[in-house]
Amino acid sequence: MASMIKREKQLQATRKQEDKVAIERAKLLQRFLTPDALSYLNELKAHNEGVSRQVEEIILYLIVYRGYRQTMSQLDIRYIERQVRGEEPKIRIQRDGETSDFGAYVKEAIKKGTED
């Protein structure tokens, strides 16, 4: 019986510590993210919790261990998200009603330039 009570007290202490850490994380994020970045991160958390967790970890690492003190915008969050997902930046060009990737457009221009 005593071991069960001891185990329960340890679980309560662990939960209390986790709650404290979660509150501190939220404070740091609120302090260093713009309102639109914070809402984007929360939206990301609702859609893809794994990616949002990694993005949060990266942001907190930058703040806590690297001393990053600038406010991050939604664009910064989206950049980190794309890096976590391994997505390349994509720029689309619309020409004559046809949409193509800017990278393909540049490659085609380079190929034509070397053929001449």
N, C-alpha and C. Protein backbone atom coordinates (compact mmCIF):
# COMPACT_ATOMS: atom_id res chain seq x y z
N MET A 1 0.82 -1.19 0.00
CA MET A 1 0.00 0.00 0.00
C MET A 1 0.87 1.26 0.00
N ALA A 2 1.94 1.23 0.79
CA ALA A 2 2.84 2.38 0.86
C ALA A 2 3.51 2.64 -0.49
N SER A 3 3.85 1.58 -1.21
CA SER A 3 4.49 1.76 -2.52
C SER A 3 3.52 2.37 -3.53
N MET A 4 2.23 2.04 -3.42
CA MET A 4 1.22 2.63 -4.32
C MET A 4 1.08 4.13 -4.04
N ILE A 5 1.09 4.50 -2.77
CA ILE A 5 0.98 5.91 -2.40
C ILE A 5 2.22 6.66 -2.88
N LYS A 6 3.39 6.06 -2.72
CA LYS A 6 4.64 6.68 -3.17
C LYS A 6 4.63 6.87 -4.69
N ARG A 7 4.18 5.84 -5.41
CA ARG A 7 4.10 5.91 -6.87
C ARG A 7 3.12 7.01 -7.32
N GLU A 8 2.00 7.11 -6.63
CA GLU A 8 1.00 8.14 -6.95
C GLU A 8 1.57 9.54 -6.73
N LYS A 9 2.32 9.71 -5.64
CA LYS A 9 2.94 11.01 -5.37
C LYS A 9 3.97 11.36 -6.45
N GLN A 10 4.72 10.35 -6.91
CA GLN A 10 5.69 10.59 -7.98
C GLN A 10 4.98 10.99 -9.27
N LEU A 11 3.88 10.32 -9.57
CA LEU A 11 3.11 10.66 -10.77
C LEU A 11 2.57 12.09 -10.69
N GLN A 12 2.08 12.47 -9.53
CA GLN A 12 1.57 13.83 -9.34
C GLN A 12 2.70 14.85 -9.50
N ALA A 13 3.85 14.56 -8.95
CA ALA A 13 4.99 15.46 -9.07
C ALA A 13 5.43 15.58 -10.53
N THR A 14 5.42 14.46 -11.24
CA THR A 14 5.79 14.47 -12.65
C THR A 14 4.80 15.30 -13.47
N ARG A 15 3.51 15.09 -13.20
CA ARG A 15 2.48 15.87 -13.91
C ARG A 15 2.61 17.36 -13.63
N LYS A 16 2.87 17.68 -12.37
CA LYS A 16 3.02 19.08 -11.98
C LYS A 16 4.21 19.71 -12.71
N GLN A 17 5.32 18.98 -12.79
CA GLN A 17 6.51 19.47 -13.50
C GLN A 17 6.22 19.63 -14.99
N GLU A 18 5.51 18.69 -15.60
CA GLU A 18 5.16 18.78 -17.02
C GLU A 18 4.26 19.97 -17.28
N ASP A 19 3.32 20.23 -16.38
CA ASP A 19 2.44 21.40 -16.52
C ASP A 19 3.23 22.69 -16.44
N LYS A 20 4.19 22.72 -15.52
CA LYS A 20 5.04 23.91 -15.35
C LYS A 20 5.85 24.16 -16.63
N VAL A 21 6.41 23.10 -17.19
CA VAL A 21 7.20 23.22 -18.42
C VAL A 21 6.31 23.69 -19.58
N ALA A 22 5.12 23.15 -19.67
CA ALA A 22 4.19 23.54 -20.74
C ALA A 22 3.82 25.02 -20.63
N ILE A 23 3.63 25.50 -19.43
CA ILE A 23 3.31 26.92 -19.22
C ILE A 23 4.48 27.80 -19.64
N GLU A 24 5.69 27.41 -19.27
CA GLU A 24 6.88 28.18 -19.64
C GLU A 24 7.09 28.19 -21.16
N ARG A 25 6.85 27.04 -21.80
CA ARG A 25 6.97 26.96 -23.26
C ARG A 25 5.98 27.92 -23.91
N ALA A 26 4.76 27.91 -23.42
CA ALA A 26 3.71 28.78 -23.98
C ALA A 26 4.08 30.25 -23.80
N LYS A 27 4.65 30.60 -22.65
CA LYS A 27 5.07 31.99 -22.40
C LYS A 27 6.16 32.41 -23.37
N LEU A 28 7.15 31.54 -23.58
CA LEU A 28 8.23 31.86 -24.51
C LEU A 28 7.70 32.03 -25.94
N LEU A 29 6.83 31.12 -26.35
CA LEU A 29 6.28 31.22 -27.70
C LEU A 29 5.46 32.50 -27.86
N GLN A 30 4.68 32.83 -26.84
CA GLN A 30 3.86 34.03 -26.93
C GLN A 30 4.73 35.29 -26.96
N ARG A 31 5.84 35.25 -26.26
CA ARG A 31 6.72 36.42 -26.21
C ARG A 31 7.48 36.63 -27.53
N PHE A 32 7.92 35.55 -28.16
CA PHE A 32 8.79 35.69 -29.32
C PHE A 32 8.11 35.43 -30.66
N LEU A 33 6.82 35.15 -30.68
CA LEU A 33 6.10 34.98 -31.94
C LEU A 33 5.07 36.09 -32.10
N THR A 34 4.93 36.56 -33.32
CA THR A 34 3.89 37.55 -33.58
C THR A 34 2.53 36.85 -33.46
N PRO A 35 1.46 37.61 -33.27
CA PRO A 35 0.14 36.99 -33.13
C PRO A 35 -0.25 36.11 -34.31
N ASP A 36 0.07 36.55 -35.53
CA ASP A 36 -0.27 35.72 -36.69
C ASP A 36 0.59 34.46 -36.75
N ALA A 37 1.82 34.53 -36.30
CA ALA A 37 2.69 33.34 -36.26
C ALA A 37 2.19 32.36 -35.21
N LEU A 38 1.76 32.87 -34.09
CA LEU A 38 1.23 32.01 -33.03
C LEU A 38 -0.05 31.32 -33.48
N SER A 39 -0.91 32.06 -34.15
CA SER A 39 -2.16 31.44 -34.64
C SER A 39 -1.86 30.42 -35.73
N TYR A 40 -0.86 30.69 -36.59
CA TYR A 40 -0.48 29.72 -37.61
C TYR A 40 0.07 28.44 -36.98
N LEU A 41 0.87 28.60 -35.94
CA LEU A 41 1.42 27.44 -35.24
C LEU A 41 0.31 26.62 -34.58
N ASN A 42 -0.67 27.30 -33.99
CA ASN A 42 -1.80 26.59 -33.38
C ASN A 42 -2.63 25.88 -34.43
N GLU A 43 -2.79 26.52 -35.58
CA GLU A 43 -3.52 25.90 -36.69
C GLU A 43 -2.77 24.66 -37.21
N LEU A 44 -1.46 24.78 -37.29
CA LEU A 44 -0.63 23.67 -37.71
C LEU A 44 -0.73 22.52 -36.71
N LYS A 45 -0.80 22.87 -35.43
CA LYS A 45 -0.91 21.87 -34.38
C LYS A 45 -2.22 21.08 -34.53
N ALA A 46 -3.28 21.76 -34.96
CA ALA A 46 -4.57 21.09 -35.14
C ALA A 46 -4.54 20.14 -36.34
N HIS A 47 -3.77 20.50 -37.38
CA HIS A 47 -3.74 19.68 -38.59
C HIS A 47 -2.67 18.60 -38.57
N ASN A 48 -1.49 18.94 -38.06
CA ASN A 48 -0.37 17.99 -38.07
C ASN A 48 0.46 18.20 -36.80
N GLU A 49 0.11 17.45 -35.78
CA GLU A 49 0.73 17.66 -34.48
C GLU A 49 2.22 17.31 -34.46
N GLY A 50 2.62 16.32 -35.22
CA GLY A 50 4.03 15.92 -35.24
C GLY A 50 4.92 17.01 -35.79
N VAL A 51 4.52 17.59 -36.90
CA VAL A 51 5.31 18.66 -37.51
C VAL A 51 5.32 19.89 -36.61
N SER A 52 4.15 20.22 -36.05
CA SER A 52 4.08 21.41 -35.19
C SER A 52 4.96 21.23 -33.95
N ARG A 53 5.03 20.02 -33.44
CA ARG A 53 5.87 19.75 -32.27
C ARG A 53 7.35 19.97 -32.62
N GLN A 54 7.76 19.50 -33.80
CA GLN A 54 9.14 19.70 -34.23
C GLN A 54 9.44 21.18 -34.44
N VAL A 55 8.49 21.91 -35.04
CA VAL A 55 8.67 23.34 -35.27
C VAL A 55 8.82 24.06 -33.93
N GLU A 56 7.96 23.72 -32.97
CA GLU A 56 8.06 24.31 -31.63
C GLU A 56 9.41 24.03 -31.00
N GLU A 57 9.87 22.79 -31.11
CA GLU A 57 11.16 22.42 -30.53
C GLU A 57 12.29 23.24 -31.14
N ILE A 58 12.24 23.44 -32.44
CA ILE A 58 13.28 24.23 -33.12
C ILE A 58 13.24 25.67 -32.65
N ILE A 59 12.04 26.24 -32.56
CA ILE A 59 11.91 27.63 -32.12
C ILE A 59 12.43 27.79 -30.69
N LEU A 60 12.02 26.88 -29.82
CA LEU A 60 12.46 26.96 -28.43
C LEU A 60 13.97 26.73 -28.30
N TYR A 61 14.52 25.86 -29.12
CA TYR A 61 15.97 25.65 -29.12
C TYR A 61 16.69 26.94 -29.49
N LEU A 62 16.18 27.62 -30.52
CA LEU A 62 16.80 28.88 -30.95
C LEU A 62 16.74 29.93 -29.85
N ILE A 63 15.60 29.99 -29.17
CA ILE A 63 15.42 31.00 -28.12
C ILE A 63 16.27 30.67 -26.90
N VAL A 64 16.18 29.44 -26.43
CA VAL A 64 16.82 29.08 -25.16
C VAL A 64 18.32 28.87 -25.30
N TYR A 65 18.73 28.09 -26.28
CA TYR A 65 20.14 27.71 -26.36
C TYR A 65 20.97 28.59 -27.28
N ARG A 66 20.35 29.21 -28.26
CA ARG A 66 21.11 30.05 -29.19
C ARG A 66 20.94 31.54 -28.93
N GLY A 67 20.09 31.90 -27.97
CA GLY A 67 19.94 33.30 -27.61
C GLY A 67 19.24 34.15 -28.66
N TYR A 68 18.39 33.53 -29.46
CA TYR A 68 17.66 34.27 -30.49
C TYR A 68 16.62 35.15 -29.81
N ARG A 69 16.68 36.46 -30.01
CA ARG A 69 15.82 37.38 -29.29
C ARG A 69 14.92 38.22 -30.19
N GLN A 70 14.86 37.90 -31.45
CA GLN A 70 13.99 38.64 -32.36
C GLN A 70 12.62 37.99 -32.41
N THR A 71 11.62 38.78 -32.71
CA THR A 71 10.27 38.25 -32.85
C THR A 71 10.16 37.54 -34.19
N MET A 72 9.58 36.35 -34.17
CA MET A 72 9.43 35.56 -35.39
C MET A 72 8.04 35.79 -35.99
N SER A 73 8.02 35.89 -37.30
CA SER A 73 6.76 36.11 -38.01
C SER A 73 6.21 34.78 -38.54
N GLN A 74 5.05 34.88 -39.15
CA GLN A 74 4.43 33.69 -39.74
C GLN A 74 5.32 33.13 -40.84
N LEU A 75 5.97 33.99 -41.58
CA LEU A 75 6.86 33.56 -42.65
C LEU A 75 8.02 32.72 -42.10
N ASP A 76 8.55 33.12 -40.95
CA ASP A 76 9.62 32.34 -40.31
C ASP A 76 9.12 30.96 -39.91
N ILE A 77 7.92 30.90 -39.36
CA ILE A 77 7.33 29.63 -38.95
C ILE A 77 7.10 28.74 -40.16
N ARG A 78 6.60 29.33 -41.24
CA ARG A 78 6.37 28.56 -42.46
C ARG A 78 7.68 28.05 -43.03
N TYR A 79 8.75 28.84 -42.95
CA TYR A 79 10.06 28.40 -43.43
C TYR A 79 10.54 27.19 -42.63
N ILE A 80 10.43 27.28 -41.31
CA ILE A 80 10.85 26.16 -40.47
C ILE A 80 10.00 24.93 -40.77
N GLU A 81 8.70 25.14 -40.94
CA GLU A 81 7.80 24.02 -41.27
C GLU A 81 8.23 23.34 -42.57
N ARG A 82 8.54 24.12 -43.59
CA ARG A 82 8.96 23.55 -44.87
C ARG A 82 10.27 22.80 -44.73
N GLN A 83 11.18 23.29 -43.90
CA GLN A 83 12.44 22.60 -43.67
C GLN A 83 12.20 21.27 -42.96
N VAL A 84 11.28 21.26 -41.99
CA VAL A 84 10.97 20.03 -41.27
C VAL A 84 10.36 19.00 -42.21
N ARG A 85 9.48 19.45 -43.08
CA ARG A 85 8.81 18.55 -44.01
C ARG A 85 9.72 18.15 -45.18
N GLY A 86 10.80 18.89 -45.38
CA GLY A 86 11.71 18.59 -46.48
C GLY A 86 11.21 19.10 -47.82
N GLU A 87 10.39 20.13 -47.80
CA GLU A 87 9.84 20.70 -49.03
C GLU A 87 10.76 21.77 -49.58
N GLU A 88 10.89 21.76 -50.87
CA GLU A 88 11.67 22.78 -51.56
C GLU A 88 10.79 24.01 -51.79
N PRO A 89 11.39 25.19 -51.83
CA PRO A 89 10.59 26.37 -52.15
C PRO A 89 10.11 26.30 -53.59
N LYS A 90 8.90 26.73 -53.83
CA LYS A 90 8.34 26.67 -55.17
C LYS A 90 7.78 28.03 -55.56
N ILE A 91 8.20 28.49 -56.70
CA ILE A 91 7.68 29.73 -57.27
C ILE A 91 6.98 29.34 -58.56
N ARG A 92 5.76 29.75 -58.71
CA ARG A 92 4.97 29.41 -59.90
C ARG A 92 4.89 30.62 -60.82
N ILE A 93 4.95 30.35 -62.12
CA ILE A 93 4.82 31.39 -63.13
C ILE A 93 3.63 31.05 -64.00
N GLN A 94 2.78 32.04 -64.21
CA GLN A 94 1.63 31.83 -65.08
C GLN A 94 1.87 32.62 -66.36
N ARG A 95 1.86 31.89 -67.46
CA ARG A 95 2.14 32.51 -68.75
C ARG A 95 1.25 31.88 -69.80
N ASP A 96 0.54 32.71 -70.51
CA ASP A 96 -0.38 32.25 -71.56
C ASP A 96 -1.37 31.23 -71.01
N GLY A 97 -1.87 31.45 -69.80
CA GLY A 97 -2.85 30.55 -69.20
C GLY A 97 -2.27 29.26 -68.68
N GLU A 98 -0.95 29.08 -68.77
CA GLU A 98 -0.29 27.86 -68.33
C GLU A 98 0.57 28.18 -67.11
N THR A 99 0.44 27.37 -66.08
CA THR A 99 1.22 27.57 -64.86
C THR A 99 2.37 26.58 -64.85
N SER A 100 3.58 27.10 -64.61
CA SER A 100 4.75 26.22 -64.54
C SER A 100 5.61 26.60 -63.35
N ASP A 101 6.47 25.71 -62.97
CA ASP A 101 7.39 25.92 -61.87
C ASP A 101 8.53 26.83 -62.33
N PHE A 102 8.90 27.80 -61.50
CA PHE A 102 9.96 28.73 -61.86
C PHE A 102 11.28 28.01 -62.10
N GLY A 103 11.55 26.98 -61.29
CA GLY A 103 12.79 26.21 -61.47
C GLY A 103 12.87 25.58 -62.84
N ALA A 104 11.74 25.02 -63.29
CA ALA A 104 11.70 24.42 -64.63
C ALA A 104 11.88 25.49 -65.69
N TYR A 105 11.30 26.65 -65.45
CA TYR A 105 11.40 27.77 -66.38
C TYR A 105 12.86 28.23 -66.51
N VAL A 106 13.57 28.30 -65.40
CA VAL A 106 14.97 28.72 -65.41
C VAL A 106 15.84 27.67 -66.09
N LYS A 107 15.58 26.38 -65.78
CA LYS A 107 16.34 25.31 -66.41
C LYS A 107 16.17 25.34 -67.92
N GLU A 108 14.95 25.59 -68.37
CA GLU A 108 14.68 25.67 -69.80
C GLU A 108 15.43 26.84 -70.42
N ALA A 109 15.44 27.99 -69.72
CA ALA A 109 16.15 29.16 -70.23
C ALA A 109 17.66 28.91 -70.29
N ILE A 110 18.19 28.21 -69.30
CA ILE A 110 19.62 27.89 -69.30
C ILE A 110 19.94 26.95 -70.45
N LYS A 111 19.08 25.96 -70.64
CA LYS A 111 19.32 24.99 -71.72
C LYS A 111 19.31 25.69 -73.08
N LYS A 112 18.37 26.61 -73.29
CA LYS A 112 18.32 27.35 -74.55
C LYS A 112 19.53 28.25 -74.71
N GLY A 113 20.01 28.81 -73.59
CA GLY A 113 21.18 29.69 -73.63
C GLY A 113 22.45 28.94 -73.97
N THR A 114 22.59 27.71 -73.55
CA THR A 114 23.78 26.93 -73.84
C THR A 114 23.74 26.34 -75.25
N GLU A 115 22.55 26.18 -75.80
CA GLU A 115 22.43 25.62 -77.16
C GLU A 115 22.80 26.65 -78.21
N ASP A 116 22.61 27.92 -77.89
CA ASP A 116 22.88 28.97 -78.89
C ASP A 116 24.32 29.22 -79.11
